[in-house]
Amino acid sequence: MACDEGLAERIRERLGTDPDITEKRVFGGIAFLHRGNVAVGVTGDDLMVRVGPDTTEQALTRPGTRIFDMTGRPMRGWVVVAGSAVAAQP
């Protein structure tokens, strides 16, 4: 499954030119790393976001979110936001 290149481009625009941010293709998607650690990414049409273990439950109250689980083992500190819930820039 190809990732949503439009969403990836919107992330690039938001992240700007910070030299600590790098981009890497992973598992058919795109990950954006901050100093070598994945911070946010696009997988399929969805946005994956590192929110931290202490704020996961709060993040899951937002519309379109679910726990990040690619292997049958939920990843604590990560959520996925459905692409349909990620508003396009006006």
C-alpha atoms as a PDB file:
ATOM      1  CA  MET A   1       0.000   0.000   0.000  1.00  0.00           C
ATOM      2  CA  ALA A   2       1.414   3.365  -0.992  1.00  0.00           C
ATOM      3  CA  CYS A   3       1.394   6.154   1.535  1.00  0.00           C
ATOM      4  CA  ASP A   4      -0.537   9.389   1.160  1.00  0.00           C
ATOM      5  CA  GLU A   5       2.078  11.647  -0.452  1.00  0.00           C
ATOM      6  CA  GLY A   6      -0.130  14.707   0.051  1.00  0.00           C
ATOM      7  CA  LEU A   7      -0.187  14.120   3.810  1.00  0.00           C
ATOM      8  CA  ALA A   8       3.570  13.520   3.794  1.00  0.00           C
ATOM      9  CA  GLU A   9       4.093  16.830   1.998  1.00  0.00           C
ATOM     10  CA  ARG A  10       1.938  18.652   4.569  1.00  0.00           C
ATOM     11  CA  ILE A  11       4.099  17.184   7.326  1.00  0.00           C
ATOM     12  CA  ARG A  12       7.257  18.324   5.512  1.00  0.00           C
ATOM     13  CA  GLU A  13       5.846  21.849   5.313  1.00  0.00           C
ATOM     14  CA  ARG A  14       5.023  21.860   9.033  1.00  0.00           C
ATOM     15  CA  LEU A  15       8.427  20.520  10.041  1.00  0.00           C
ATOM     16  CA  GLY A  16      10.217  23.099   7.923  1.00  0.00           C
ATOM     17  CA  THR A  17      13.972  23.069   7.544  1.00  0.00           C
ATOM     18  CA  ASP A  18      14.990  21.925  11.027  1.00  0.00           C
ATOM     19  CA  PRO A  19      18.376  20.205  10.507  1.00  0.00           C
ATOM     20  CA  ASP A  20      17.527  17.712  13.284  1.00  0.00           C
ATOM     21  CA  ILE A  21      14.651  16.317  11.182  1.00  0.00           C
ATOM     22  CA  THR A  22      15.343  13.553   8.673  1.00  0.00           C
ATOM     23  CA  GLU A  23      13.016  11.505   6.517  1.00  0.00           C
ATOM     24  CA  LYS A  24      13.148   7.789   5.860  1.00  0.00           C
ATOM     25  CA  ARG A  25      11.029   5.343   3.859  1.00  0.00           C
ATOM     26  CA  VAL A  26       9.932   2.488   6.115  1.00  0.00           C
ATOM     27  CA  PHE A  27       7.449  -0.376   5.758  1.00  0.00           C
ATOM     28  CA  GLY A  28       5.826   1.171   2.694  1.00  0.00           C
ATOM     29  CA  GLY A  29       5.394   4.512   4.440  1.00  0.00           C
ATOM     30  CA  ILE A  30       7.431   7.547   5.410  1.00  0.00           C
ATOM     31  CA  ALA A  31       8.845   8.274   8.854  1.00  0.00           C
ATOM     32  CA  PHE A  32      10.078  11.651  10.041  1.00  0.00           C
ATOM     33  CA  LEU A  33      12.820  11.361  12.608  1.00  0.00           C
ATOM     34  CA  HIS A  34      13.981  13.914  15.143  1.00  0.00           C
ATOM     35  CA  ARG A  35      17.637  13.306  15.993  1.00  0.00           C
ATOM     36  CA  GLY A  36      17.290   9.724  14.802  1.00  0.00           C
ATOM     37  CA  ASN A  37      14.046   8.882  16.631  1.00  0.00           C
ATOM     38  CA  VAL A  38      10.754   8.494  14.783  1.00  0.00           C
ATOM     39  CA  ALA A  39       8.375  11.292  15.761  1.00  0.00           C
ATOM     40  CA  VAL A  40       5.640  11.119  13.133  1.00  0.00           C
ATOM     41  CA  GLY A  41       4.952   9.284   9.931  1.00  0.00           C
ATOM     42  CA  VAL A  42       2.517   8.341   7.221  1.00  0.00           C
ATOM     43  CA  THR A  43       1.393   4.781   6.688  1.00  0.00           C
ATOM     44  CA  GLY A  44      -1.189   4.254   3.976  1.00  0.00           C
ATOM     45  CA  ASP A  45      -3.656   7.116   4.367  1.00  0.00           C
ATOM     46  CA  ASP A  46      -3.066   7.417   8.109  1.00  0.00           C
ATOM     47  CA  LEU A  47      -0.871   9.537  10.329  1.00  0.00           C
ATOM     48  CA  MET A  48       1.154   7.811  13.052  1.00  0.00           C
ATOM     49  CA  VAL A  49       2.269   9.985  15.928  1.00  0.00           C
ATOM     50  CA  ARG A  50       4.526   9.491  18.927  1.00  0.00           C
ATOM     51  CA  VAL A  51       2.606  11.008  21.827  1.00  0.00           C
ATOM     52  CA  GLY A  52       4.493   9.458  24.727  1.00  0.00           C
ATOM     53  CA  PRO A  53       3.249   6.858  27.184  1.00  0.00           C
ATOM     54  CA  ASP A  54       1.896   9.429  29.651  1.00  0.00           C
ATOM     55  CA  THR A  55      -0.414  11.088  27.116  1.00  0.00           C
ATOM     56  CA  THR A  56      -1.564   8.086  25.082  1.00  0.00           C
ATOM     57  CA  GLU A  57      -4.949   7.783  26.790  1.00  0.00           C
ATOM     58  CA  GLN A  58      -5.642  11.499  26.351  1.00  0.00           C
ATOM     59  CA  ALA A  59      -4.674  11.336  22.670  1.00  0.00           C
ATOM     60  CA  LEU A  60      -7.033   8.390  22.143  1.00  0.00           C
ATOM     61  CA  THR A  61     -10.005  10.586  23.095  1.00  0.00           C
ATOM     62  CA  ARG A  62      -9.527  12.615  19.907  1.00  0.00           C
ATOM     63  CA  PRO A  63     -11.693  11.766  16.865  1.00  0.00           C
ATOM     64  CA  GLY A  64     -10.258   9.213  14.453  1.00  0.00           C
ATOM     65  CA  THR A  65      -7.504   7.947  16.754  1.00  0.00           C
ATOM     66  CA  ARG A  66      -6.599   4.416  17.678  1.00  0.00           C
ATOM     67  CA  ILE A  67      -3.649   2.729  19.321  1.00  0.00           C
ATOM     68  CA  PHE A  68      -0.746   1.966  16.986  1.00  0.00           C
ATOM     69  CA  ASP A  69      -0.545  -1.798  16.467  1.00  0.00           C
ATOM     70  CA  MET A  70       1.207  -3.289  13.443  1.00  0.00           C
ATOM     71  CA  THR A  71       2.161  -6.691  14.853  1.00  0.00           C
ATOM     72  CA  GLY A  72      -0.591  -7.610  17.288  1.00  0.00           C
ATOM     73  CA  ARG A  73       1.299  -5.898  20.110  1.00  0.00           C
ATOM     74  CA  PRO A  74       0.100  -2.335  20.759  1.00  0.00           C
ATOM     75  CA  MET A  75       2.902   0.210  20.883  1.00  0.00           C
ATOM     76  CA  ARG A  76       2.639   2.254  24.048  1.00  0.00           C
ATOM     77  CA  GLY A  77       3.144   5.942  23.406  1.00  0.00           C
ATOM     78  CA  TRP A  78       1.970   5.817  19.780  1.00  0.00           C
ATOM     79  CA  VAL A  79      -1.380   6.549  18.140  1.00  0.00           C
ATOM     80  CA  VAL A  80      -2.676   6.382  14.602  1.00  0.00           C
ATOM     81  CA  VAL A  81      -4.959   9.112  13.298  1.00  0.00           C
ATOM     82  CA  ALA A  82      -7.250   8.082  10.457  1.00  0.00           C
ATOM     83  CA  GLY A  83      -6.490   9.993   7.291  1.00  0.00           C
ATOM     84  CA  SER A  84     -10.131  11.049   7.110  1.00  0.00           C
ATOM     85  CA  ALA A  85      -9.739  12.742  10.526  1.00  0.00           C
ATOM     86  CA  VAL A  86      -6.662  14.741   9.480  1.00  0.00           C
ATOM     87  CA  ALA A  87      -8.045  17.990   8.148  1.00  0.00           C
ATOM     88  CA  ALA A  88      -6.491  19.425   5.020  1.00  0.00           C
ATOM     89  CA  GLN A  89      -5.053  22.889   5.224  1.00  0.00           C
ATOM     90  CA  PRO A  90      -7.510  25.525   3.954  1.00  0.00           C
END
